[in-house]
Amino acid sequence: MARLAAGRKRLLVLHVRRSPGDKEWIVTIVNPLIIKQDPANPLGLEWASGRDYLVFARTEQEARDRVMRRFSTKPGAIIKSAVPATHDLFHA
């Protein structure tokens, strides 16, 4: 799995557009079909265990909706969790 130098899991940014009142959400999405359909895919294990995306949204449901709009055409894509960011992501 992709890791940062400090051993943290990689955080991908879903989009950079942010509205006033938006909060930072960490949405983890899994897709176990990728590795099943293509065992040689270099990202297969990462998708099977979950990829974390930074999402700007007012509510958890809005964050989940944004992720599903992005991945709705990918068979097997499932949201594993959606939680508010609990620390400063930009100065960690």
N, C-alpha and C. Protein backbone atom coordinates (compact mmCIF):
# COMPACT_ATOMS: atom_id res chain seq x y z
N MET A 1 0.84 -1.17 0.00
CA MET A 1 0.00 0.00 0.00
C MET A 1 0.89 1.24 0.00
N ALA A 2 0.46 2.26 -0.69
CA ALA A 2 1.25 3.48 -0.77
C ALA A 2 1.32 4.13 0.61
N ARG A 3 2.50 4.50 1.01
CA ARG A 3 2.70 5.12 2.31
C ARG A 3 3.53 6.39 2.15
N LEU A 4 3.27 7.37 3.02
CA LEU A 4 4.09 8.55 3.08
C LEU A 4 5.34 8.23 3.87
N ALA A 5 6.30 9.12 3.83
CA ALA A 5 7.57 8.89 4.52
C ALA A 5 7.37 8.59 6.00
N ALA A 6 6.41 9.22 6.63
CA ALA A 6 6.17 9.01 8.06
C ALA A 6 5.37 7.74 8.33
N GLY A 7 5.07 6.95 7.30
CA GLY A 7 4.34 5.71 7.48
C GLY A 7 2.83 5.88 7.41
N ARG A 8 2.38 7.08 7.09
CA ARG A 8 0.94 7.30 6.98
C ARG A 8 0.45 6.85 5.61
N LYS A 9 -0.81 6.45 5.57
CA LYS A 9 -1.45 6.07 4.33
C LYS A 9 -1.60 7.30 3.43
N ARG A 10 -1.47 7.11 2.14
CA ARG A 10 -1.60 8.21 1.19
C ARG A 10 -3.02 8.76 1.21
N LEU A 11 -3.14 10.08 1.12
CA LEU A 11 -4.44 10.75 1.08
C LEU A 11 -4.57 11.42 -0.28
N LEU A 12 -5.57 10.98 -1.04
CA LEU A 12 -5.82 11.53 -2.37
C LEU A 12 -6.88 12.62 -2.27
N VAL A 13 -6.81 13.60 -3.15
CA VAL A 13 -7.78 14.70 -3.13
C VAL A 13 -8.80 14.46 -4.23
N LEU A 14 -10.07 14.37 -3.84
CA LEU A 14 -11.13 14.12 -4.81
C LEU A 14 -11.33 15.32 -5.72
N HIS A 15 -11.35 16.50 -5.15
CA HIS A 15 -11.51 17.74 -5.92
C HIS A 15 -10.96 18.89 -5.08
N VAL A 16 -10.66 20.00 -5.70
CA VAL A 16 -10.07 21.12 -4.97
C VAL A 16 -11.06 22.26 -4.74
N ARG A 17 -12.24 22.14 -5.28
CA ARG A 17 -13.26 23.18 -5.11
C ARG A 17 -13.82 23.10 -3.70
N ARG A 18 -13.81 24.24 -3.03
CA ARG A 18 -14.28 24.29 -1.64
C ARG A 18 -15.20 25.49 -1.49
N SER A 19 -16.35 25.28 -0.87
CA SER A 19 -17.32 26.34 -0.63
C SER A 19 -17.26 26.78 0.83
N PRO A 20 -17.67 28.01 1.11
CA PRO A 20 -17.74 28.42 2.52
C PRO A 20 -18.64 27.45 3.29
N GLY A 21 -18.23 27.08 4.45
CA GLY A 21 -19.03 26.15 5.26
C GLY A 21 -18.68 24.69 5.06
N ASP A 22 -17.88 24.39 4.04
CA ASP A 22 -17.46 23.00 3.81
C ASP A 22 -16.50 22.56 4.91
N LYS A 23 -16.58 21.31 5.26
CA LYS A 23 -15.66 20.69 6.20
C LYS A 23 -14.79 19.71 5.42
N GLU A 24 -13.72 19.27 6.05
CA GLU A 24 -12.83 18.27 5.45
C GLU A 24 -13.28 16.89 5.92
N TRP A 25 -13.50 16.00 4.96
CA TRP A 25 -13.92 14.63 5.24
C TRP A 25 -12.90 13.67 4.64
N ILE A 26 -12.65 12.59 5.34
CA ILE A 26 -11.82 11.51 4.81
C ILE A 26 -12.78 10.37 4.45
N VAL A 27 -12.88 10.10 3.16
CA VAL A 27 -13.77 9.05 2.68
C VAL A 27 -12.91 7.91 2.14
N THR A 28 -13.11 6.73 2.69
CA THR A 28 -12.36 5.55 2.25
C THR A 28 -13.26 4.74 1.33
N ILE A 29 -12.73 4.45 0.15
CA ILE A 29 -13.48 3.68 -0.84
C ILE A 29 -12.68 2.42 -1.17
N VAL A 30 -13.38 1.30 -1.27
CA VAL A 30 -12.75 0.03 -1.62
C VAL A 30 -13.35 -0.48 -2.92
N ASN A 31 -12.55 -1.28 -3.60
CA ASN A 31 -13.05 -1.95 -4.81
C ASN A 31 -12.29 -3.27 -4.96
N PRO A 32 -12.82 -4.34 -4.34
CA PRO A 32 -12.16 -5.63 -4.41
C PRO A 32 -12.20 -6.28 -5.79
N LEU A 33 -13.06 -5.79 -6.67
CA LEU A 33 -13.15 -6.37 -8.02
C LEU A 33 -11.91 -6.10 -8.86
N ILE A 34 -11.22 -5.01 -8.58
CA ILE A 34 -10.05 -4.65 -9.41
C ILE A 34 -9.01 -5.75 -9.37
N ILE A 35 -8.65 -6.21 -8.18
CA ILE A 35 -7.62 -7.24 -8.08
C ILE A 35 -8.15 -8.61 -8.54
N LYS A 36 -9.44 -8.84 -8.39
CA LYS A 36 -10.02 -10.10 -8.86
C LYS A 36 -10.02 -10.16 -10.38
N GLN A 37 -10.34 -9.04 -11.02
CA GLN A 37 -10.40 -9.00 -12.47
C GLN A 37 -9.02 -8.91 -13.11
N ASP A 38 -8.08 -8.26 -12.41
CA ASP A 38 -6.73 -8.08 -12.96
C ASP A 38 -5.70 -8.19 -11.84
N PRO A 39 -5.29 -9.41 -11.48
CA PRO A 39 -4.33 -9.61 -10.39
C PRO A 39 -3.00 -8.88 -10.60
N ALA A 40 -2.67 -8.54 -11.83
CA ALA A 40 -1.41 -7.85 -12.11
C ALA A 40 -1.52 -6.34 -11.93
N ASN A 41 -2.71 -5.82 -11.69
CA ASN A 41 -2.88 -4.38 -11.53
C ASN A 41 -2.08 -3.90 -10.32
N PRO A 42 -1.16 -2.94 -10.52
CA PRO A 42 -0.31 -2.50 -9.42
C PRO A 42 -1.07 -1.81 -8.28
N LEU A 43 -2.27 -1.35 -8.53
CA LEU A 43 -3.06 -0.71 -7.48
C LEU A 43 -4.13 -1.62 -6.90
N GLY A 44 -4.15 -2.86 -7.34
CA GLY A 44 -5.17 -3.80 -6.89
C GLY A 44 -5.24 -3.98 -5.39
N LEU A 45 -4.10 -4.16 -4.74
CA LEU A 45 -4.09 -4.34 -3.28
C LEU A 45 -4.55 -3.08 -2.56
N GLU A 46 -4.11 -1.94 -3.07
CA GLU A 46 -4.52 -0.67 -2.46
C GLU A 46 -6.04 -0.49 -2.56
N TRP A 47 -6.62 -0.80 -3.71
CA TRP A 47 -8.07 -0.70 -3.87
C TRP A 47 -8.79 -1.72 -2.99
N ALA A 48 -8.23 -2.90 -2.84
CA ALA A 48 -8.88 -3.93 -2.03
C ALA A 48 -8.91 -3.54 -0.55
N SER A 49 -7.86 -2.88 -0.07
CA SER A 49 -7.83 -2.49 1.34
C SER A 49 -8.45 -1.12 1.59
N GLY A 50 -8.52 -0.30 0.56
CA GLY A 50 -9.17 1.01 0.68
C GLY A 50 -8.25 2.16 0.34
N ARG A 51 -8.79 3.10 -0.40
CA ARG A 51 -8.07 4.33 -0.75
C ARG A 51 -8.77 5.49 -0.05
N ASP A 52 -7.99 6.35 0.59
CA ASP A 52 -8.54 7.49 1.33
C ASP A 52 -8.55 8.72 0.44
N TYR A 53 -9.70 9.39 0.42
CA TYR A 53 -9.87 10.61 -0.36
C TYR A 53 -10.27 11.75 0.56
N LEU A 54 -9.64 12.91 0.35
CA LEU A 54 -10.04 14.13 1.02
C LEU A 54 -11.18 14.74 0.22
N VAL A 55 -12.28 15.00 0.89
CA VAL A 55 -13.47 15.55 0.23
C VAL A 55 -13.93 16.77 1.03
N PHE A 56 -14.22 17.84 0.33
CA PHE A 56 -14.78 19.03 0.96
C PHE A 56 -16.30 19.00 0.79
N ALA A 57 -17.03 19.02 1.89
CA ALA A 57 -18.49 18.97 1.85
C ALA A 57 -19.04 19.48 3.17
N ARG A 58 -20.30 19.87 3.17
CA ARG A 58 -20.93 20.37 4.40
C ARG A 58 -21.29 19.23 5.35
N THR A 59 -21.73 18.10 4.79
CA THR A 59 -22.20 16.98 5.62
C THR A 59 -21.55 15.67 5.16
N GLU A 60 -21.66 14.68 6.02
CA GLU A 60 -21.15 13.35 5.66
C GLU A 60 -21.87 12.82 4.42
N GLN A 61 -23.18 12.99 4.37
CA GLN A 61 -23.94 12.48 3.22
C GLN A 61 -23.49 13.16 1.93
N GLU A 62 -23.25 14.46 1.99
CA GLU A 62 -22.78 15.17 0.80
C GLU A 62 -21.40 14.66 0.37
N ALA A 63 -20.53 14.39 1.34
CA ALA A 63 -19.20 13.84 1.02
C ALA A 63 -19.35 12.47 0.35
N ARG A 64 -20.21 11.62 0.90
CA ARG A 64 -20.45 10.30 0.31
C ARG A 64 -21.02 10.42 -1.10
N ASP A 65 -21.96 11.34 -1.29
CA ASP A 65 -22.57 11.54 -2.61
C ASP A 65 -21.53 11.98 -3.64
N ARG A 66 -20.63 12.87 -3.24
CA ARG A 66 -19.59 13.33 -4.18
C ARG A 66 -18.68 12.19 -4.60
N VAL A 67 -18.32 11.35 -3.65
CA VAL A 67 -17.45 10.22 -3.98
C VAL A 67 -18.18 9.24 -4.90
N MET A 68 -19.42 8.95 -4.60
CA MET A 68 -20.15 7.99 -5.43
C MET A 68 -20.40 8.53 -6.84
N ARG A 69 -20.60 9.84 -6.97
CA ARG A 69 -20.72 10.40 -8.32
C ARG A 69 -19.43 10.18 -9.10
N ARG A 70 -18.31 10.33 -8.43
CA ARG A 70 -17.01 10.16 -9.08
C ARG A 70 -16.75 8.70 -9.47
N PHE A 71 -17.17 7.76 -8.63
CA PHE A 71 -16.86 6.36 -8.85
C PHE A 71 -18.07 5.51 -9.26
N SER A 72 -19.17 6.12 -9.59
CA SER A 72 -20.39 5.37 -9.90
C SER A 72 -20.26 4.48 -11.13
N THR A 73 -19.34 4.80 -12.02
CA THR A 73 -19.17 3.98 -13.23
C THR A 73 -18.21 2.83 -13.00
N LYS A 74 -17.63 2.73 -11.82
CA LYS A 74 -16.68 1.66 -11.51
C LYS A 74 -17.40 0.54 -10.78
N PRO A 75 -17.67 -0.58 -11.45
CA PRO A 75 -18.33 -1.69 -10.77
C PRO A 75 -17.51 -2.14 -9.55
N GLY A 76 -18.19 -2.38 -8.44
CA GLY A 76 -17.53 -2.86 -7.24
C GLY A 76 -17.09 -1.79 -6.26
N ALA A 77 -17.21 -0.51 -6.64
CA ALA A 77 -16.78 0.57 -5.75
C ALA A 77 -17.77 0.71 -4.59
N ILE A 78 -17.23 0.69 -3.36
CA ILE A 78 -18.04 0.74 -2.14
C ILE A 78 -17.39 1.72 -1.17
N ILE A 79 -18.19 2.56 -0.55
CA ILE A 79 -17.65 3.44 0.49
C ILE A 79 -17.53 2.63 1.78
N LYS A 80 -16.32 2.57 2.29
CA LYS A 80 -16.04 1.84 3.53
C LYS A 80 -16.31 2.72 4.75
N SER A 81 -15.93 4.01 4.66
CA SER A 81 -16.17 4.93 5.77
C SER A 81 -16.10 6.36 5.28
N ALA A 82 -16.69 7.24 6.06
CA ALA A 82 -16.62 8.69 5.82
C ALA A 82 -16.59 9.35 7.19
N VAL A 83 -15.47 9.98 7.50
CA VAL A 83 -15.30 10.59 8.82
C VAL A 83 -14.73 12.00 8.66
N PRO A 84 -15.10 12.90 9.58
CA PRO A 84 -14.52 14.23 9.51
C PRO A 84 -13.03 14.18 9.82
N ALA A 85 -12.27 15.02 9.15
CA ALA A 85 -10.83 15.11 9.46
C ALA A 85 -10.69 15.66 10.87
N THR A 86 -9.85 15.04 11.66
CA THR A 86 -9.73 15.44 13.07
C THR A 86 -8.46 16.22 13.37
N HIS A 87 -7.62 16.42 12.37
CA HIS A 87 -6.39 17.18 12.59
C HIS A 87 -6.10 18.02 11.34
N ASP A 88 -5.17 18.93 11.47
CA ASP A 88 -4.80 19.81 10.36
C ASP A 88 -4.07 18.99 9.30
N LEU A 89 -4.71 18.77 8.20
CA LEU A 89 -4.14 17.94 7.13
C LEU A 89 -3.06 18.65 6.34
N PHE A 90 -3.03 19.95 6.40
CA PHE A 90 -2.12 20.71 5.56
C PHE A 90 -0.82 21.11 6.27
N HIS A 91 -0.75 20.92 7.56
CA HIS A 91 0.45 21.28 8.30
C HIS A 91 0.91 20.14 9.19
N ALA A 92 0.59 18.92 8.81
CA ALA A 92 0.96 17.76 9.64
C ALA A 92 2.41 17.39 9.47
